[in-house]
């Protein structure tokens, strides 16, 4: 898996200071979850790109559900993103 692209809507975890995030689709989550299991408690490190904004972070699990990518405030501000926006994120795993 070299360069992977996902397109989905930005969501917000509930509560004060909830994270903004985008979920990976179920199929991709199922493919990547075994890699995550082998690394636990470490997470899947990756380099992400939205348009011209690039950052390094990790892909994280939502319990036994889909995996997700957190969207830091510097990324949201640079790309003028908010909850409900449909975005495409490309990434490369750094495992």
N, C-alpha and C. Protein backbone atom coordinates (compact mmCIF):
# COMPACT_ATOMS: atom_id res chain seq x y z
N UNK A 1 0.85 -1.19 0.00
CA UNK A 1 0.00 0.00 0.00
C UNK A 1 0.89 1.24 0.00
N UNK A 2 1.05 1.80 -1.14
CA UNK A 2 1.88 3.00 -1.24
C UNK A 2 1.05 4.22 -0.89
N UNK A 3 0.48 4.85 -1.91
CA UNK A 3 -0.30 6.06 -1.69
C UNK A 3 -1.78 5.69 -1.67
N UNK A 4 -2.45 5.96 -0.58
CA UNK A 4 -3.85 5.60 -0.39
C UNK A 4 -4.67 6.89 -0.34
N UNK A 5 -5.85 6.90 -0.97
CA UNK A 5 -6.73 8.06 -0.92
C UNK A 5 -8.08 7.64 -0.36
N UNK A 6 -8.60 8.51 0.50
CA UNK A 6 -9.95 8.30 1.02
C UNK A 6 -10.73 9.60 0.84
N UNK A 7 -12.02 9.46 0.65
CA UNK A 7 -12.91 10.61 0.59
C UNK A 7 -14.06 10.35 1.55
N UNK A 8 -14.27 11.29 2.46
CA UNK A 8 -15.34 11.13 3.44
C UNK A 8 -15.64 12.50 4.06
N UNK A 9 -16.63 12.53 4.94
CA UNK A 9 -17.06 13.76 5.58
C UNK A 9 -16.33 13.97 6.91
N UNK A 10 -16.05 15.22 7.23
CA UNK A 10 -15.43 15.55 8.51
C UNK A 10 -16.48 15.41 9.62
N UNK A 11 -16.08 14.74 10.70
CA UNK A 11 -16.94 14.56 11.86
C UNK A 11 -16.25 15.14 13.09
N UNK A 12 -17.01 15.24 14.18
CA UNK A 12 -16.47 15.76 15.43
C UNK A 12 -16.89 14.82 16.56
N UNK A 13 -15.89 14.33 17.33
CA UNK A 13 -16.24 13.52 18.50
C UNK A 13 -17.01 14.40 19.48
N UNK A 14 -18.01 13.84 20.17
CA UNK A 14 -18.82 14.63 21.10
C UNK A 14 -18.03 15.13 22.31
N UNK A 15 -18.56 16.14 22.94
CA UNK A 15 -17.96 16.68 24.16
C UNK A 15 -17.10 17.89 23.89
N UNK A 16 -16.76 18.58 24.97
CA UNK A 16 -15.88 19.74 24.85
C UNK A 16 -14.52 19.28 24.34
N UNK A 17 -13.98 20.05 23.44
CA UNK A 17 -12.66 19.76 22.88
C UNK A 17 -12.60 18.44 22.13
N UNK A 18 -13.71 18.01 21.53
CA UNK A 18 -13.72 16.78 20.74
C UNK A 18 -12.84 16.93 19.51
N UNK A 19 -12.25 15.83 19.08
CA UNK A 19 -11.38 15.83 17.91
C UNK A 19 -12.19 15.90 16.63
N UNK A 20 -11.69 16.64 15.66
CA UNK A 20 -12.21 16.61 14.30
C UNK A 20 -11.51 15.45 13.60
N UNK A 21 -12.25 14.71 12.81
CA UNK A 21 -11.65 13.54 12.19
C UNK A 21 -12.38 13.14 10.92
N UNK A 22 -11.75 12.25 10.17
CA UNK A 22 -12.37 11.64 9.00
C UNK A 22 -12.14 10.13 9.12
N UNK A 23 -13.21 9.35 8.89
CA UNK A 23 -13.14 7.90 9.01
C UNK A 23 -12.65 7.27 7.71
N UNK A 24 -11.92 6.17 7.85
CA UNK A 24 -11.59 5.35 6.71
C UNK A 24 -12.80 4.47 6.42
N UNK A 25 -12.99 4.07 5.18
CA UNK A 25 -14.14 3.21 4.88
C UNK A 25 -13.93 1.83 5.52
N UNK A 26 -15.00 1.06 5.61
CA UNK A 26 -14.96 -0.23 6.31
C UNK A 26 -13.93 -1.18 5.70
N UNK A 27 -13.87 -1.25 4.37
CA UNK A 27 -12.96 -2.18 3.72
C UNK A 27 -11.49 -1.84 4.04
N UNK A 28 -11.15 -0.57 3.92
CA UNK A 28 -9.78 -0.15 4.21
C UNK A 28 -9.46 -0.35 5.70
N UNK A 29 -10.43 -0.06 6.57
CA UNK A 29 -10.23 -0.29 8.01
C UNK A 29 -9.93 -1.76 8.28
N UNK A 30 -10.67 -2.66 7.61
CA UNK A 30 -10.45 -4.10 7.80
C UNK A 30 -9.06 -4.52 7.31
N UNK A 31 -8.59 -3.89 6.24
CA UNK A 31 -7.26 -4.21 5.71
C UNK A 31 -6.15 -3.73 6.64
N UNK A 32 -6.32 -2.55 7.24
CA UNK A 32 -5.27 -1.95 8.04
C UNK A 32 -5.30 -2.38 9.51
N UNK A 33 -6.46 -2.81 10.00
CA UNK A 33 -6.57 -3.16 11.43
C UNK A 33 -5.55 -4.23 11.86
N UNK A 34 -5.28 -5.28 11.06
CA UNK A 34 -4.26 -6.26 11.49
C UNK A 34 -2.88 -5.62 11.68
N UNK A 35 -2.53 -4.64 10.86
CA UNK A 35 -1.26 -3.94 11.05
C UNK A 35 -1.25 -3.22 12.39
N UNK A 36 -2.38 -2.61 12.71
CA UNK A 36 -2.50 -1.88 13.98
C UNK A 36 -2.39 -2.85 15.15
N UNK A 37 -3.01 -4.01 15.03
CA UNK A 37 -2.97 -5.02 16.11
C UNK A 37 -1.54 -5.45 16.39
N UNK A 38 -0.73 -5.58 15.33
CA UNK A 38 0.66 -6.00 15.50
C UNK A 38 1.52 -4.92 16.14
N UNK A 39 1.12 -3.65 16.02
CA UNK A 39 1.90 -2.54 16.54
C UNK A 39 1.46 -2.09 17.93
N UNK A 40 0.26 -2.46 18.35
CA UNK A 40 -0.35 -1.94 19.57
C UNK A 40 0.61 -2.06 20.75
N UNK A 41 0.79 -1.06 21.60
CA UNK A 41 0.00 0.15 21.71
C UNK A 41 0.42 1.27 20.77
N UNK A 42 1.43 1.06 19.95
CA UNK A 42 1.78 2.08 18.95
C UNK A 42 0.67 2.15 17.91
N UNK A 43 0.63 3.22 17.16
CA UNK A 43 -0.40 3.40 16.14
C UNK A 43 0.24 3.38 14.76
N UNK A 44 -0.59 3.37 13.73
CA UNK A 44 -0.09 3.37 12.35
C UNK A 44 0.36 4.77 11.96
N UNK A 45 1.64 4.96 11.87
CA UNK A 45 2.17 6.27 11.50
C UNK A 45 2.04 6.46 9.99
N UNK A 46 1.72 7.70 9.60
CA UNK A 46 1.55 7.99 8.18
C UNK A 46 1.83 9.46 7.91
N UNK A 47 2.04 9.77 6.63
CA UNK A 47 2.13 11.16 6.20
C UNK A 47 0.88 11.43 5.37
N UNK A 48 0.15 12.47 5.75
CA UNK A 48 -1.14 12.80 5.16
C UNK A 48 -1.06 14.07 4.33
N UNK A 49 -1.91 14.15 3.31
CA UNK A 49 -1.98 15.34 2.47
C UNK A 49 -3.44 15.65 2.16
N UNK A 50 -3.80 16.93 2.36
CA UNK A 50 -5.08 17.47 1.87
C UNK A 50 -4.70 18.69 1.04
N UNK A 51 -4.99 18.63 -0.23
CA UNK A 51 -4.60 19.69 -1.17
C UNK A 51 -3.10 19.96 -1.06
N UNK A 52 -2.70 21.11 -0.50
CA UNK A 52 -1.27 21.43 -0.39
C UNK A 52 -0.75 21.28 1.03
N UNK A 53 -1.60 20.88 1.96
CA UNK A 53 -1.20 20.76 3.36
C UNK A 53 -0.75 19.33 3.66
N UNK A 54 0.46 19.20 4.22
CA UNK A 54 1.04 17.90 4.54
C UNK A 54 1.37 17.86 6.03
N UNK A 55 1.06 16.75 6.69
CA UNK A 55 1.42 16.58 8.10
C UNK A 55 1.62 15.10 8.40
N UNK A 56 2.34 14.83 9.48
CA UNK A 56 2.56 13.46 9.94
C UNK A 56 1.76 13.24 11.22
N UNK A 57 1.15 12.07 11.29
CA UNK A 57 0.37 11.71 12.47
C UNK A 57 0.17 10.20 12.43
N UNK A 58 -0.90 9.74 13.06
CA UNK A 58 -1.19 8.31 13.12
C UNK A 58 -2.64 8.04 12.76
N UNK A 59 -2.88 6.84 12.27
CA UNK A 59 -4.24 6.36 12.05
C UNK A 59 -4.64 5.65 13.34
N UNK A 60 -5.83 5.97 13.83
CA UNK A 60 -6.26 5.46 15.14
C UNK A 60 -7.58 4.71 15.03
N UNK A 61 -7.87 3.83 16.00
CA UNK A 61 -9.12 3.07 15.97
C UNK A 61 -10.24 3.74 16.76
N UNK A 62 -11.46 3.50 16.32
CA UNK A 62 -12.64 3.84 17.11
C UNK A 62 -13.15 2.50 17.64
N UNK A 63 -12.67 2.12 18.81
CA UNK A 63 -12.97 0.81 19.41
C UNK A 63 -12.80 -0.28 18.37
N UNK A 64 -13.83 -1.09 18.12
CA UNK A 64 -13.76 -2.14 17.11
C UNK A 64 -14.34 -1.69 15.77
N UNK A 65 -14.64 -0.41 15.66
CA UNK A 65 -15.22 0.12 14.43
C UNK A 65 -14.16 0.57 13.45
N UNK A 66 -14.48 1.59 12.68
CA UNK A 66 -13.55 2.05 11.66
C UNK A 66 -12.32 2.73 12.25
N UNK A 67 -11.30 2.84 11.44
CA UNK A 67 -10.13 3.60 11.80
C UNK A 67 -10.38 5.05 11.38
N UNK A 68 -9.61 5.98 11.96
CA UNK A 68 -9.83 7.38 11.62
C UNK A 68 -8.53 8.15 11.59
N UNK A 69 -8.59 9.31 10.94
CA UNK A 69 -7.49 10.26 10.86
C UNK A 69 -7.94 11.53 11.56
N UNK A 70 -7.22 11.92 12.60
CA UNK A 70 -7.52 13.17 13.29
C UNK A 70 -7.07 14.34 12.42
N UNK A 71 -7.84 15.41 12.44
CA UNK A 71 -7.52 16.61 11.65
C UNK A 71 -7.15 17.74 12.60
N UNK A 72 -5.85 17.99 12.77
CA UNK A 72 -5.40 19.05 13.69
C UNK A 72 -5.90 20.43 13.27
N UNK A 73 -5.97 21.33 14.21
CA UNK A 73 -6.48 22.68 13.93
C UNK A 73 -5.64 23.38 12.86
N UNK A 74 -4.32 23.18 12.84
CA UNK A 74 -3.50 23.85 11.82
C UNK A 74 -3.87 23.39 10.42
N UNK A 75 -4.26 22.14 10.27
CA UNK A 75 -4.69 21.61 8.97
C UNK A 75 -6.05 22.18 8.61
N UNK A 76 -6.98 22.16 9.57
CA UNK A 76 -8.32 22.68 9.31
C UNK A 76 -8.27 24.15 8.94
N UNK A 77 -7.45 24.93 9.64
CA UNK A 77 -7.33 26.36 9.34
C UNK A 77 -6.70 26.59 7.97
N UNK A 78 -5.62 25.86 7.67
CA UNK A 78 -4.93 26.03 6.40
C UNK A 78 -5.83 25.72 5.21
N UNK A 79 -6.69 24.72 5.37
CA UNK A 79 -7.56 24.28 4.27
C UNK A 79 -9.00 24.78 4.43
N UNK A 80 -9.26 25.58 5.47
CA UNK A 80 -10.59 26.14 5.74
C UNK A 80 -11.65 25.04 5.77
N UNK A 81 -11.43 24.07 6.65
CA UNK A 81 -12.31 22.91 6.77
C UNK A 81 -13.16 22.99 8.01
N UNK A 82 -14.36 22.42 7.94
CA UNK A 82 -15.22 22.34 9.11
C UNK A 82 -16.07 21.08 9.05
N UNK A 83 -16.77 20.79 10.13
CA UNK A 83 -17.61 19.60 10.23
C UNK A 83 -18.59 19.57 9.06
N UNK A 84 -18.72 18.39 8.47
CA UNK A 84 -19.66 18.20 7.37
C UNK A 84 -19.03 18.38 5.99
N UNK A 85 -17.83 18.97 5.92
CA UNK A 85 -17.16 19.11 4.63
C UNK A 85 -16.73 17.74 4.12
N UNK A 86 -16.90 17.52 2.82
CA UNK A 86 -16.43 16.29 2.21
C UNK A 86 -15.02 16.56 1.70
N UNK A 87 -14.06 15.73 2.15
CA UNK A 87 -12.67 15.96 1.80
C UNK A 87 -12.02 14.68 1.28
N UNK A 88 -10.93 14.85 0.57
CA UNK A 88 -10.10 13.74 0.15
C UNK A 88 -8.76 13.87 0.85
N UNK A 89 -8.36 12.81 1.51
CA UNK A 89 -7.07 12.76 2.18
C UNK A 89 -6.26 11.66 1.52
N UNK A 90 -5.04 11.98 1.12
CA UNK A 90 -4.16 10.93 0.64
C UNK A 90 -3.09 10.71 1.70
N UNK A 91 -2.62 9.47 1.80
CA UNK A 91 -1.61 9.19 2.82
C UNK A 91 -0.75 8.00 2.43
N UNK A 92 0.41 7.97 3.05
CA UNK A 92 1.34 6.87 2.87
C UNK A 92 1.75 6.39 4.25
N UNK A 93 1.62 5.09 4.48
CA UNK A 93 2.00 4.53 5.77
C UNK A 93 3.51 4.60 5.94
N UNK A 94 3.94 4.82 7.17
CA UNK A 94 5.37 4.90 7.51
C UNK A 94 5.70 3.80 8.49
N UNK A 95 5.31 2.57 8.17
CA UNK A 95 5.50 1.42 9.06
C UNK A 95 6.87 0.81 8.88
